[in-house]
PDB file of N, CA and C in Angstrom:
ATOM      1  N   MET A   1     -12.585   4.906   5.436  1.00  0.00           N
ATOM      2  CA  MET A   1     -12.525   4.196   3.786  1.00  0.00           C
ATOM      3  C   MET A   1     -11.411   5.646   3.292  1.00  0.00           C
ATOM      4  N   ARG A   2     -11.178   4.546   2.315  1.00  0.00           N
ATOM      5  CA  ARG A   2     -10.154   5.097   1.372  1.00  0.00           C
ATOM      6  C   ARG A   2     -10.121   5.775   0.479  1.00  0.00           C
ATOM      7  N   SER A   3      -9.658   6.645  -0.196  1.00  0.00           N
ATOM      8  CA  SER A   3      -9.820   7.486  -1.128  1.00  0.00           C
ATOM      9  C   SER A   3      -9.506   6.848  -2.550  1.00  0.00           C
ATOM     10  N   GLN A   4     -10.335   7.654  -3.811  1.00  0.00           N
ATOM     11  CA  GLN A   4     -10.178   6.858  -4.884  1.00  0.00           C
ATOM     12  C   GLN A   4      -9.007   6.607  -5.604  1.00  0.00           C
ATOM     13  N   MET A   5      -7.942   7.497  -5.225  1.00  0.00           N
ATOM     14  CA  MET A   5      -6.840   7.119  -5.781  1.00  0.00           C
ATOM     15  C   MET A   5      -5.798   6.550  -5.051  1.00  0.00           C
ATOM     16  N   GLU A   6      -6.003   5.960  -3.823  1.00  0.00           N
ATOM     17  CA  GLU A   6      -5.329   5.213  -2.989  1.00  0.00           C
ATOM     18  C   GLU A   6      -5.886   3.671  -3.663  1.00  0.00           C
ATOM     19  N   ILE A   7      -7.134   3.586  -3.864  1.00  0.00           N
ATOM     20  CA  ILE A   7      -8.055   2.383  -4.290  1.00  0.00           C
ATOM     21  C   ILE A   7      -7.324   1.846  -5.421  1.00  0.00           C
ATOM     22  N   GLU A   8      -7.183   2.875  -6.308  1.00  0.00           N
ATOM     23  CA  GLU A   8      -6.601   3.009  -7.792  1.00  0.00           C
ATOM     24  C   GLU A   8      -5.093   2.425  -7.894  1.00  0.00           C
ATOM     25  N   LYS A   9      -4.452   3.134  -6.776  1.00  0.00           N
ATOM     26  CA  LYS A   9      -3.042   2.489  -6.886  1.00  0.00           C
ATOM     27  C   LYS A   9      -3.017   1.320  -6.475  1.00  0.00           C
ATOM     28  N   GLN A  10      -3.815   0.712  -5.355  1.00  0.00           N
ATOM     29  CA  GLN A  10      -4.151  -0.727  -4.670  1.00  0.00           C
ATOM     30  C   GLN A  10      -4.285  -1.672  -6.242  1.00  0.00           C
ATOM     31  N   VAL A  11      -5.208  -1.257  -6.803  1.00  0.00           N
ATOM     32  CA  VAL A  11      -5.877  -2.047  -7.956  1.00  0.00           C
ATOM     33  C   VAL A  11      -4.547  -2.537  -9.146  1.00  0.00           C
ATOM     34  N   GLU A  12      -3.785  -1.246  -9.225  1.00  0.00           N
ATOM     35  CA  GLU A  12      -2.568  -1.178 -10.343  1.00  0.00           C
ATOM     36  C   GLU A  12      -1.680  -2.073  -9.801  1.00  0.00           C
ATOM     37  N   SER A  13      -1.028  -1.782  -8.473  1.00  0.00           N
ATOM     38  CA  SER A  13      -0.169  -2.492  -8.135  1.00  0.00           C
ATOM     39  C   SER A  13      -0.520  -4.335  -7.905  1.00  0.00           C
ATOM     40  N   LEU A  14      -1.751  -4.401  -7.632  1.00  0.00           N
ATOM     41  CA  LEU A  14      -2.128  -5.648  -7.698  1.00  0.00           C
ATOM     42  C   LEU A  14      -2.396  -6.601  -9.116  1.00  0.00           C
ATOM     43  N   ASN A  15      -2.674  -5.852 -10.176  1.00  0.00           N
ATOM     44  CA  ASN A  15      -2.846  -6.336 -11.532  1.00  0.00           C
ATOM     45  C   ASN A  15      -1.510  -6.395 -11.872  1.00  0.00           C
ATOM     46  N   ALA A  16      -0.755  -5.427 -11.546  1.00  0.00           N
ATOM     47  CA  ALA A  16       0.714  -5.495 -11.847  1.00  0.00           C
ATOM     48  C   ALA A  16       1.726  -6.712 -11.623  1.00  0.00           C
ATOM     49  N   ILE A  17       1.395  -7.455 -10.644  1.00  0.00           N
ATOM     50  CA  ILE A  17       1.989  -8.601  -9.954  1.00  0.00           C
ATOM     51  C   ILE A  17       1.534 -10.003 -10.590  1.00  0.00           C
ATOM     52  N   LYS A  18      -0.007 -10.030 -11.223  1.00  0.00           N
ATOM     53  CA  LYS A  18      -0.707 -10.804 -11.724  1.00  0.00           C
ATOM     54  C   LYS A  18       0.264 -12.196 -12.211  1.00  0.00           C
ATOM     55  N   PRO A  19       1.419 -11.066 -13.447  1.00  0.00           N
ATOM     56  CA  PRO A  19       1.844 -12.029 -13.977  1.00  0.00           C
ATOM     57  C   PRO A  19       2.525 -12.807 -13.656  1.00  0.00           C
ATOM     58  N   ASP A  20       3.439 -12.315 -12.440  1.00  0.00           N
ATOM     59  CA  ASP A  20       4.429 -12.392 -12.115  1.00  0.00           C
ATOM     60  C   ASP A  20       4.527 -14.146 -10.864  1.00  0.00           C
ATOM     61  N   LEU A  21       2.995 -14.340 -10.628  1.00  0.00           N
ATOM     62  CA  LEU A  21       2.437 -15.385  -9.718  1.00  0.00           C
ATOM     63  C   LEU A  21       2.449 -16.903 -10.328  1.00  0.00           C
ATOM     64  N   PRO A  22       2.924 -17.600  -9.335  1.00  0.00           N
ATOM     65  CA  PRO A  22       2.448 -19.001 -10.015  1.00  0.00           C
ATOM     66  C   PRO A  22       0.900 -19.116 -10.341  1.00  0.00           C
ATOM     67  N   GLU A  23       0.767 -20.267 -11.581  1.00  0.00           N
ATOM     68  CA  GLU A  23      -0.628 -20.681 -11.863  1.00  0.00           C
ATOM     69  C   GLU A  23      -1.781 -20.883 -10.489  1.00  0.00           C
ATOM     70  N   PHE A  24      -0.978 -21.537  -9.545  1.00  0.00           N
ATOM     71  CA  PHE A  24      -1.901 -22.038  -8.601  1.00  0.00           C
ATOM     72  C   PHE A  24      -1.464 -22.004  -7.235  1.00  0.00           C
ATOM     73  N   THR A  25      -2.498 -21.744  -6.145  1.00  0.00           N
ATOM     74  CA  THR A  25      -1.869 -21.948  -4.261  1.00  0.00           C
ATOM     75  C   THR A  25      -1.636 -23.101  -4.306  1.00  0.00           C
ATOM     76  N   LEU A  26      -1.344 -23.063  -2.838  1.00  0.00           N
ATOM     77  CA  LEU A  26      -1.177 -24.907  -2.675  1.00  0.00           C
ATOM     78  C   LEU A  26      -2.463 -25.763  -2.246  1.00  0.00           C
ATOM     79  N   MET A  27      -3.429 -24.508  -2.166  1.00  0.00           N
ATOM     80  CA  MET A  27      -4.738 -25.369  -2.022  1.00  0.00           C
ATOM     81  C   MET A  27      -5.614 -25.552  -3.495  1.00  0.00           C
ATOM     82  N   GLY A  28      -4.626 -25.254  -4.878  1.00  0.00           N
ATOM     83  CA  GLY A  28      -5.338 -25.499  -5.904  1.00  0.00           C
ATOM     84  C   GLY A  28      -5.972 -24.593  -6.460  1.00  0.00           C
ATOM     85  N   GLU A  29      -6.018 -23.067  -5.906  1.00  0.00           N
ATOM     86  CA  GLU A  29      -6.778 -22.300  -6.729  1.00  0.00           C
ATOM     87  C   GLU A  29      -6.123 -21.492  -6.901  1.00  0.00           C
ATOM     88  N   PRO A  30      -6.610 -20.844  -8.511  1.00  0.00           N
ATOM     89  CA  PRO A  30      -5.603 -19.833  -9.260  1.00  0.00           C
ATOM     90  C   PRO A  30      -5.041 -18.389  -8.712  1.00  0.00           C
ATOM     91  N   TYR A  31      -3.905 -18.254  -8.322  1.00  0.00           N
ATOM     92  CA  TYR A  31      -3.539 -17.132  -8.021  1.00  0.00           C
ATOM     93  C   TYR A  31      -4.181 -16.195  -8.337  1.00  0.00           C
ATOM     94  N   ALA A  32      -4.368 -15.950  -9.829  1.00  0.00           N
ATOM     95  CA  ALA A  32      -5.079 -14.988 -10.677  1.00  0.00           C
ATOM     96  C   ALA A  32      -6.450 -14.584 -10.094  1.00  0.00           C
ATOM     97  N   GLY A  33      -7.520 -15.351  -9.353  1.00  0.00           N
ATOM     98  CA  GLY A  33      -8.591 -15.832  -9.022  1.00  0.00           C
ATOM     99  C   GLY A  33      -8.337 -14.947  -7.799  1.00  0.00           C
ATOM    100  N   VAL A  34      -7.472 -14.953  -6.998  1.00  0.00           N
ATOM    101  CA  VAL A  34      -7.435 -14.158  -5.759  1.00  0.00           C
ATOM    102  C   VAL A  34      -6.812 -12.923  -5.813  1.00  0.00           C
ATOM    103  N   VAL A  35      -6.443 -12.651  -6.753  1.00  0.00           N
ATOM    104  CA  VAL A  35      -5.963 -11.105  -7.132  1.00  0.00           C
ATOM    105  C   VAL A  35      -7.331 -10.598  -7.829  1.00  0.00           C
ATOM    106  N   ASP A  36      -8.209 -11.480  -8.923  1.00  0.00           N
ATOM    107  CA  ASP A  36      -9.205 -10.706  -9.319  1.00  0.00           C
ATOM    108  C   ASP A  36     -10.346 -10.507  -8.109  1.00  0.00           C
ATOM    109  N   ALA A  37     -10.506 -11.440  -7.167  1.00  0.00           N
ATOM    110  CA  ALA A  37     -11.392 -11.144  -5.788  1.00  0.00           C
ATOM    111  C   ALA A  37     -11.193  -9.775  -5.109  1.00  0.00           C
ATOM    112  N   MET A  38      -9.483  -9.304  -5.168  1.00  0.00           N
ATOM    113  CA  MET A  38      -9.326  -8.359  -3.977  1.00  0.00           C
ATOM    114  C   MET A  38      -9.597  -7.225  -5.251  1.00  0.00           C
ATOM    115  N   VAL A  39      -9.267  -7.511  -6.392  1.00  0.00           N
ATOM    116  CA  VAL A  39      -9.437  -6.020  -7.295  1.00  0.00           C
ATOM    117  C   VAL A  39     -11.438  -5.817  -7.490  1.00  0.00           C
ATOM    118  N   GLU A  40     -12.419  -6.956  -7.358  1.00  0.00           N
ATOM    119  CA  GLU A  40     -13.551  -6.955  -7.408  1.00  0.00           C
ATOM    120  C   GLU A  40     -13.934  -6.047  -6.211  1.00  0.00           C
ATOM    121  N   VAL A  41     -13.515  -6.409  -5.007  1.00  0.00           N
ATOM    122  CA  VAL A  41     -13.543  -5.635  -3.817  1.00  0.00           C
ATOM    123  C   VAL A  41     -13.797  -4.276  -3.589  1.00  0.00           C
ATOM    124  N   LEU A  42     -12.836  -3.839  -4.522  1.00  0.00           N
ATOM    125  CA  LEU A  42     -11.874  -3.015  -4.379  1.00  0.00           C
ATOM    126  C   LEU A  42     -12.705  -1.981  -5.103  1.00  0.00           C
ATOM    127  N   THR A  43     -12.783  -2.081  -5.999  1.00  0.00           N
ATOM    128  CA  THR A  43     -13.491  -1.908  -7.235  1.00  0.00           C
ATOM    129  C   THR A  43     -15.366  -1.724  -7.178  1.00  0.00           C
ATOM    130  N   GLY A  44     -15.525  -2.873  -6.388  1.00  0.00           N
ATOM    131  CA  GLY A  44     -17.330  -2.899  -6.268  1.00  0.00           C
ATOM    132  C   GLY A  44     -18.075  -2.102  -5.142  1.00  0.00           C
ATOM    133  N   ASN A  45     -16.472  -2.137  -4.056  1.00  0.00           N
ATOM    134  CA  ASN A  45     -16.875  -1.868  -2.940  1.00  0.00           C
ATOM    135  C   ASN A  45     -17.958  -2.837  -2.139  1.00  0.00           C
ATOM    136  N   ILE A  46     -17.608  -3.743  -2.514  1.00  0.00           N
ATOM    137  CA  ILE A  46     -18.237  -5.434  -1.990  1.00  0.00           C
ATOM    138  C   ILE A  46     -18.279  -5.070  -0.547  1.00  0.00           C
ATOM    139  N   SER A  47     -19.280  -5.509   0.498  1.00  0.00           N
ATOM    140  CA  SER A  47     -19.599  -5.466   1.813  1.00  0.00           C
ATOM    141  C   SER A  47     -18.844  -7.006   2.413  1.00  0.00           C
ATOM    142  N   GLU A  48     -18.691  -6.658   3.474  1.00  0.00           N
ATOM    143  CA  GLU A  48     -17.896  -7.479   3.969  1.00  0.00           C
ATOM    144  C   GLU A  48     -19.109  -8.963   4.391  1.00  0.00           C
ATOM    145  N   ASP A  49     -20.380  -8.526   3.925  1.00  0.00           N
ATOM    146  CA  ASP A  49     -21.480  -9.840   4.506  1.00  0.00           C
ATOM    147  C   ASP A  49     -21.633 -10.381   2.962  1.00  0.00           C
ATOM    148  N   GLU A  50     -21.355  -9.622   2.118  1.00  0.00           N
ATOM    149  CA  GLU A  50     -21.427 -10.259   0.624  1.00  0.00           C
ATOM    150  C   GLU A  50     -20.221 -11.283   0.176  1.00  0.00           C
ATOM    151  N   ILE A  51     -19.119 -11.002   0.747  1.00  0.00           N
ATOM    152  CA  ILE A  51     -17.931 -11.705   0.572  1.00  0.00           C
ATOM    153  C   ILE A  51     -17.826 -13.273   0.458  1.00  0.00           C
ATOM    154  N   PRO A  52     -18.363 -13.611   1.852  1.00  0.00           N
ATOM    155  CA  PRO A  52     -18.801 -15.201   2.209  1.00  0.00           C
ATOM    156  C   PRO A  52     -19.682 -15.790   0.787  1.00  0.00           C
ATOM    157  N   GLU A  53     -20.805 -15.418   0.440  1.00  0.00           N
ATOM    158  CA  GLU A  53     -21.492 -15.490  -0.463  1.00  0.00           C
ATOM    159  C   GLU A  53     -20.711 -15.759  -2.178  1.00  0.00           C
ATOM    160  N   ARG A  54     -19.841 -14.573  -2.489  1.00  0.00           N
ATOM    161  CA  ARG A  54     -19.343 -14.597  -3.443  1.00  0.00           C
ATOM    162  C   ARG A  54     -18.114 -15.897  -3.285  1.00  0.00           C
ATOM    163  N   TYR A  55     -17.224 -15.878  -2.591  1.00  0.00           N
ATOM    164  CA  TYR A  55     -15.890 -16.512  -2.889  1.00  0.00           C
ATOM    165  C   TYR A  55     -15.944 -17.272  -1.916  1.00  0.00           C
ATOM    166  N   LEU A  56     -16.516 -17.869  -1.253  1.00  0.00           N
ATOM    167  CA  LEU A  56     -16.472 -19.207  -0.157  1.00  0.00           C
ATOM    168  C   LEU A  56     -16.394 -20.483  -1.084  1.00  0.00           C
ATOM    169  N   LYS A  57     -15.824 -21.129  -1.094  1.00  0.00           N
ATOM    170  CA  LYS A  57     -15.959 -22.428  -1.963  1.00  0.00           C
ATOM    171  C   LYS A  57     -17.004 -23.644  -0.808  1.00  0.00           C
ATOM    172  N   ARG A  58     -17.983 -23.508  -1.171  1.00  0.00           N
ATOM    173  CA  ARG A  58     -18.712 -24.806  -0.321  1.00  0.00           C
ATOM    174  C   ARG A  58     -18.175 -25.976  -0.283  1.00  0.00           C
ATOM    175  N   GLU A  59     -17.483 -26.315  -0.760  1.00  0.00           N
ATOM    176  CA  GLU A  59     -17.020 -27.878  -0.857  1.00  0.00           C
ATOM    177  C   GLU A  59     -15.768 -28.356  -0.001  1.00  0.00           C
ATOM    178  N   LEU A  60     -15.605 -26.744   0.520  1.00  0.00           N
ATOM    179  CA  LEU A  60     -14.090 -26.889   1.627  1.00  0.00           C
ATOM    180  C   LEU A  60     -14.825 -26.654   2.504  1.00  0.00           C
ATOM    181  N   HIS A  61     -13.925 -27.149   3.956  1.00  0.00           N
ATOM    182  CA  HIS A  61     -14.397 -27.261   5.274  1.00  0.00           C
ATOM    183  C   HIS A  61     -13.798 -25.635   5.775  1.00  0.00           C
ATOM    184  N   ALA A  62     -12.970 -24.877   5.155  1.00  0.00           N
ATOM    185  CA  ALA A  62     -12.403 -23.836   6.030  1.00  0.00           C
ATOM    186  C   ALA A  62     -12.350 -22.753   4.830  1.00  0.00           C
ATOM    187  N   PRO A  63     -12.276 -21.650   5.341  1.00  0.00           N
ATOM    188  CA  PRO A  63     -12.200 -20.446   4.341  1.00  0.00           C
ATOM    189  C   PRO A  63     -10.916 -20.665   3.468  1.00  0.00           C
ATOM    190  N   ASP A  64     -11.298 -20.741   2.057  1.00  0.00           N
ATOM    191  CA  ASP A  64     -10.196 -20.444   1.210  1.00  0.00           C
ATOM    192  C   ASP A  64      -9.643 -19.086   0.592  1.00  0.00           C
ATOM    193  N   MET A  65      -8.291 -19.316   0.272  1.00  0.00           N
ATOM    194  CA  MET A  65      -7.769 -18.465  -0.124  1.00  0.00           C
ATOM    195  C   MET A  65      -8.165 -17.154  -0.719  1.00  0.00           C
ATOM    196  N   THR A  66      -8.932 -17.403  -1.523  1.00  0.00           N
ATOM    197  CA  THR A  66     -10.018 -16.468  -2.855  1.00  0.00           C
ATOM    198  C   THR A  66     -10.709 -15.540  -1.195  1.00  0.00           C
ATOM    199  N   MET A  67     -11.536 -16.242  -0.632  1.00  0.00           N
ATOM    200  CA  MET A  67     -11.913 -15.428   0.401  1.00  0.00           C
ATOM    201  C   MET A  67     -11.431 -14.718   1.201  1.00  0.00           C
ATOM    202  N   ASN A  68     -10.371 -15.368   1.999  1.00  0.00           N
ATOM    203  CA  ASN A  68      -9.216 -14.644   1.981  1.00  0.00           C
ATOM    204  C   ASN A  68      -8.765 -13.347   2.143  1.00  0.00           C
ATOM    205  N   GLY A  69      -8.353 -13.369   0.511  1.00  0.00           N
ATOM    206  CA  GLY A  69      -7.846 -12.189  -0.299  1.00  0.00           C
ATOM    207  C   GLY A  69      -9.021 -11.152  -0.270  1.00  0.00           C
ATOM    208  N   ALA A  70     -10.201 -11.380  -0.592  1.00  0.00           N
ATOM    209  CA  ALA A  70     -11.001 -10.614  -0.550  1.00  0.00           C
ATOM    210  C   ALA A  70     -11.423 -10.030   0.960  1.00  0.00           C
ATOM    211  N   LEU A  71     -11.728 -10.741   1.939  1.00  0.00           N
ATOM    212  CA  LEU A  71     -11.610 -10.095   3.119  1.00  0.00           C
ATOM    213  C   LEU A  71     -10.642  -8.841   3.333  1.00  0.00           C
ATOM    214  N   SER A  72      -9.502  -9.305   3.039  1.00  0.00           N
ATOM    215  CA  SER A  72      -8.205  -8.358   3.136  1.00  0.00           C
ATOM    216  C   SER A  72      -8.779  -7.034   2.664  1.00  0.00           C
ATOM    217  N   ALA A  73      -8.786  -7.411   1.568  1.00  0.00           N
ATOM    218  CA  ALA A  73      -9.410  -6.027   0.411  1.00  0.00           C
ATOM    219  C   ALA A  73     -10.613  -5.261   1.267  1.00  0.00           C
ATOM    220  N   ARG A  74     -11.290  -6.191   2.206  1.00  0.00           N
ATOM    221  CA  ARG A  74     -12.348  -5.035   2.664  1.00  0.00           C
ATOM    222  C   ARG A  74     -11.589  -4.610   3.771  1.00  0.00           C
ATOM    223  N   ASP A  75     -10.791  -5.431   4.538  1.00  0.00           N
ATOM    224  CA  ASP A  75     -10.465  -4.599   5.605  1.00  0.00           C
ATOM    225  C   ASP A  75      -9.552  -3.449   5.534  1.00  0.00           C
ATOM    226  N   TRP A  76      -8.830  -3.459   4.539  1.00  0.00           N
ATOM    227  CA  TRP A  76      -7.719  -2.447   3.865  1.00  0.00           C
ATOM    228  C   TRP A  76      -8.925  -1.534   3.071  1.00  0.00           C
ATOM    229  N   LEU A  77     -10.158  -1.489   2.540  1.00  0.00           N
ATOM    230  CA  LEU A  77     -10.731  -0.340   2.432  1.00  0.00           C
ATOM    231  C   LEU A  77     -11.552   0.529   3.790  1.00  0.00           C
ATOM    232  N   ASP A  78     -11.801  -0.207   4.679  1.00  0.00           N
ATOM    233  CA  ASP A  78     -12.318  -0.116   5.950  1.00  0.00           C
ATOM    234  C   ASP A  78     -11.454   0.577   6.930  1.00  0.00           C
ATOM    235  N   ASP A  79      -9.931   0.638   6.357  1.00  0.00           N
ATOM    236  CA  ASP A  79      -8.690   1.184   7.207  1.00  0.00           C
ATOM    237  C   ASP A  79      -8.044   0.124   8.275  1.00  0.00           C
ATOM    238  N   ASN A  80      -8.504  -1.243   8.579  1.00  0.00           N
ATOM    239  CA  ASN A  80      -8.229  -1.877   9.453  1.00  0.00           C
ATOM    240  C   ASN A  80      -6.911  -3.008   8.942  1.00  0.00           C
ATOM    241  N   TYR A  81      -6.106  -2.356   7.725  1.00  0.00           N
ATOM    242  CA  TYR A  81      -5.385  -3.231   7.107  1.00  0.00           C
ATOM    243  C   TYR A  81      -4.717  -1.964   6.948  1.00  0.00           C
ATOM    244  N   ASP A  82      -3.171  -2.241   7.531  1.00  0.00           N
ATOM    245  CA  ASP A  82      -2.183  -0.651   7.295  1.00  0.00           C
ATOM    246  C   ASP A  82      -1.147  -1.656   5.936  1.00  0.00           C
ATOM    247  N   GLY A  83      -0.495  -0.624   5.257  1.00  0.00           N
ATOM    248  CA  GLY A  83       0.345  -1.510   4.067  1.00  0.00           C
ATOM    249  C   GLY A  83      -0.706  -1.583   2.802  1.00  0.00           C
ATOM    250  N   ASN A  84       0.248  -2.166   1.647  1.00  0.00           N
ATOM    251  CA  ASN A  84      -0.375  -2.386   0.637  1.00  0.00           C
ATOM    252  C   ASN A  84      -0.500  -3.976   0.864  1.00  0.00           C
ATOM    253  N   LEU A  85      -1.722  -4.234  -0.111  1.00  0.00           N
ATOM    254  CA  LEU A  85      -2.442  -5.523  -0.137  1.00  0.00           C
ATOM    255  C   LEU A  85      -1.524  -6.581  -1.053  1.00  0.00           C
ATOM    256  N   VAL A  86      -0.557  -6.098  -1.959  1.00  0.00           N
ATOM    257  CA  VAL A  86       0.394  -6.654  -2.731  1.00  0.00           C
ATOM    258  C   VAL A  86       1.559  -7.485  -1.641  1.00  0.00           C
ATOM    259  N   ASP A  87       1.797  -6.998  -0.245  1.00  0.00           N
ATOM    260  CA  ASP A  87       2.403  -7.421   0.443  1.00  0.00           C
ATOM    261  C   ASP A  87       1.852  -9.167   0.581  1.00  0.00           C
ATOM    262  N   GLU A  88       0.432  -9.309   0.182  1.00  0.00           N
ATOM    263  CA  GLU A  88       0.013 -10.721   0.839  1.00  0.00           C
ATOM    264  C   GLU A  88       0.891 -11.541   0.245  1.00  0.00           C
ATOM    265  N   PHE A  89       1.360 -11.258  -0.745  1.00  0.00           N
ATOM    266  CA  PHE A  89       1.564 -12.197  -2.067  1.00  0.00           C
ATOM    267  C   PHE A  89       3.329 -12.145  -1.824  1.00  0.00           C
ATOM    268  N   LYS A  90       3.960 -11.323  -0.864  1.00  0.00           N
ATOM    269  CA  LYS A  90       5.568 -11.475  -0.912  1.00  0.00           C
ATOM    270  C   LYS A  90       6.202 -12.513  -0.960  1.00  0.00           C
ATOM    271  N   ASP A  91       5.971 -13.582  -0.053  1.00  0.00           N
ATOM    272  CA  ASP A  91       6.609 -15.118   0.193  1.00  0.00           C
ATOM    273  C   ASP A  91       6.415 -15.159  -1.070  1.00  0.00           C
ATOM    274  N   VAL A  92       5.361 -15.600  -1.695  1.00  0.00           N
ATOM    275  CA  VAL A  92       5.265 -16.138  -3.145  1.00  0.00           C
ATOM    276  C   VAL A  92       6.141 -15.600  -4.032  1.00  0.00           C
ATOM    277  N   LEU A  93       6.145 -14.206  -4.074  1.00  0.00           N
ATOM    278  CA  LEU A  93       6.751 -13.881  -5.138  1.00  0.00           C
ATOM    279  C   LEU A  93       8.225 -13.698  -5.026  1.00  0.00           C
ATOM    280  N   GLN A  94       9.077 -13.884  -3.600  1.00  0.00           N
ATOM    281  CA  GLN A  94      10.375 -14.109  -3.222  1.00  0.00           C
ATOM    282  C   GLN A  94      10.667 -15.497  -3.571  1.00  0.00           C
ATOM    283  N   ARG A  95       9.630 -16.405  -3.413  1.00  0.00           N
ATOM    284  CA  ARG A  95      10.023 -17.629  -3.893  1.00  0.00           C
ATOM    285  C   ARG A  95       9.910 -17.609  -5.556  1.00  0.00           C
ATOM    286  N   VAL A  96       9.511 -17.515  -6.045  1.00  0.00           N
ATOM    287  CA  VAL A  96       9.432 -17.260  -7.574  1.00  0.00           C
ATOM    288  C   VAL A  96      10.394 -16.716  -8.170  1.00  0.00           C
ATOM    289  N   HIS A  97      11.056 -15.403  -7.587  1.00  0.00           N
ATOM    290  CA  HIS A  97      12.129 -14.764  -8.156  1.00  0.00           C
ATOM    291  C   HIS A  97      13.287 -15.400  -7.384  1.00  0.00           C
ATOM    292  N   SER A  98      13.699 -16.055  -6.517  1.00  0.00           N
ATOM    293  CA  SER A  98      14.923 -16.765  -6.152  1.00  0.00           C
ATOM    294  C   SER A  98      15.278 -18.189  -6.474  1.00  0.00           C
TER     295      SER A  98
END
C-alpha cells in the first residue's frame, strides 16, 4: 500500500493535467471523468471488486477507459503499477502540445 504522501502527490499530478487534456476520448468519454475516477479510487480506497460496479458502462461490450483508469489507480495503490499515473496520459498530452 502506498503512503498518504505518495497518494497526495498522484492526486495533485492528475488534477494538474486535467485542464490540458482534450474534452473527450476516442470512445467519447470525457477525459476529466477518467481522471476523476482515478482520483476517487486513490482518495476513497475503492476496492478492485467495487470498480466495475461504479465505472463500467453497461451499454458497452468492452471495458471503457474510465474503468481502466480506475483499475490502474487501484493497481498503483496496491504497488502493482510502477511509475506515475499521469503517464497513462503521456501520448494524449504529447499530441495536444505538438
